[in-house]
Amino acid sequence: MPKDSKMKSYILLNQDGTEGGVFTGHQPRQAAMKAANRIGGTKQKPVEIKLRERGVKNKYHVFKAWKEIVSAPKNKPVWMPDKISKPFVQKVGLERI
């Protein structure tokens, strides 16, 4: 199966300034959704996520992110639980360093 050339890798900037975790997506928002599902946060206290595209050194995509426990869709597969974790992200902007 050929690799999709439009897929990009984004590196998560941790709170302490180190880089960790690589998330993939066609756009930064898609990678931020994956990171939000892992990191957490709440709607009242969203977590700030900074993602750097692999190969770009001076630009971070900044998001406010949280996740909520919601009911699964009605047409869910049999193996899916009744409650699922749904990520939410809101782009704050770009940060250049």
Protein backbone atom coordinates (compact mmCIF):
# COMPACT_ATOMS: atom_id res chain seq x y z
CA MET A 1 0.00 0.00 0.00
CA PRO A 2 1.63 3.30 -1.06
CA LYS A 3 2.12 6.01 1.52
CA ASP A 4 -0.13 9.03 1.07
CA SER A 5 2.21 11.91 0.22
CA LYS A 6 -0.23 14.52 1.61
CA MET A 7 -0.04 13.08 5.14
CA LYS A 8 2.19 15.19 7.40
CA SER A 9 3.73 14.56 10.80
CA TYR A 10 3.37 17.07 13.64
CA ILE A 11 5.48 17.04 16.78
CA LEU A 12 3.88 17.99 20.10
CA LEU A 13 5.65 20.59 22.25
CA ASN A 14 5.33 19.59 25.91
CA GLN A 15 4.66 22.10 28.71
CA ASP A 16 8.31 21.89 29.84
CA GLY A 17 9.58 22.90 26.38
CA THR A 18 10.66 19.44 25.23
CA GLU A 19 9.24 17.82 22.15
CA GLY A 20 7.43 14.52 22.42
CA GLY A 21 4.68 12.61 20.68
CA VAL A 22 4.24 12.60 16.91
CA PHE A 23 0.76 12.93 15.46
CA THR A 24 -0.10 12.63 11.77
CA GLY A 25 -2.77 14.27 9.67
CA HIS A 26 -3.47 16.02 6.40
CA GLN A 27 -3.84 19.30 8.30
CA PRO A 28 -2.64 20.55 11.70
CA ARG A 29 -6.21 20.40 13.07
CA GLN A 30 -6.46 16.67 12.39
CA ALA A 31 -3.23 16.04 14.30
CA ALA A 32 -4.45 18.33 17.11
CA MET A 33 -7.65 16.26 17.44
CA LYS A 34 -5.56 13.13 17.94
CA ALA A 35 -3.38 14.88 20.52
CA ALA A 36 -6.45 16.26 22.34
CA ASN A 37 -7.91 12.79 22.68
CA ARG A 38 -4.73 11.64 24.40
CA ILE A 39 -4.02 14.74 26.52
CA GLY A 40 -7.47 15.60 27.82
CA GLY A 41 -8.61 18.85 29.36
CA THR A 42 -12.17 20.07 29.88
CA LYS A 43 -14.29 22.71 28.18
CA GLN A 44 -13.94 24.92 31.26
CA LYS A 45 -10.15 24.32 31.46
CA PRO A 46 -8.87 23.56 27.95
CA VAL A 47 -5.29 22.45 27.45
CA GLU A 48 -2.99 24.41 25.14
CA ILE A 49 -1.48 22.24 22.41
CA LYS A 50 1.46 23.38 20.29
CA LEU A 51 2.31 21.36 17.20
CA ARG A 52 5.32 21.78 14.92
CA GLU A 53 5.30 20.30 11.45
CA ARG A 54 8.20 17.92 10.98
CA GLY A 55 10.85 19.70 8.90
CA VAL A 56 9.76 23.21 9.92
CA LYS A 57 11.76 24.58 12.84
CA ASN A 58 10.32 28.00 13.67
CA LYS A 59 6.51 27.73 13.45
CA TYR A 60 4.07 26.19 15.95
CA HIS A 61 0.33 25.73 15.43
CA VAL A 62 -1.36 26.61 18.74
CA PHE A 63 -4.71 25.08 19.75
CA LYS A 64 -6.98 25.07 22.79
CA ALA A 65 -8.12 21.47 23.24
CA TRP A 66 -10.38 19.38 25.44
CA LYS A 67 -12.35 16.16 25.32
CA GLU A 68 -15.82 15.21 26.47
CA ILE A 69 -17.53 11.89 27.14
CA VAL A 70 -20.54 11.68 24.80
CA SER A 71 -23.02 9.04 23.70
CA ALA A 72 -21.90 6.90 20.77
CA PRO A 73 -23.72 7.43 17.46
CA LYS A 74 -26.83 5.37 16.83
CA ASN A 75 -25.23 3.54 13.89
CA LYS A 76 -22.16 2.53 15.93
CA PRO A 77 -20.42 -0.81 15.34
CA VAL A 78 -21.14 -3.62 17.78
CA TRP A 79 -17.71 -3.40 19.44
CA MET A 80 -18.01 0.35 20.26
CA PRO A 81 -19.05 1.22 23.84
CA ASP A 82 -22.16 3.30 24.59
CA LYS A 83 -20.07 6.28 25.76
CA ILE A 84 -17.04 7.54 23.81
CA SER A 85 -14.42 10.24 24.26
CA LYS A 86 -14.81 13.03 21.69
CA PRO A 87 -11.99 15.56 21.16
CA PHE A 88 -12.56 19.27 20.47
CA VAL A 89 -9.96 21.79 19.28
CA GLN A 90 -10.00 25.50 18.58
CA LYS A 91 -7.09 27.11 16.74
CA VAL A 92 -5.60 30.05 18.60
CA GLY A 93 -3.04 30.94 15.95
CA LEU A 94 0.55 30.50 14.80
CA GLU A 95 3.53 31.12 17.02
CA ARG A 96 6.88 31.87 15.41
CA ILE A 97 10.07 31.47 17.38
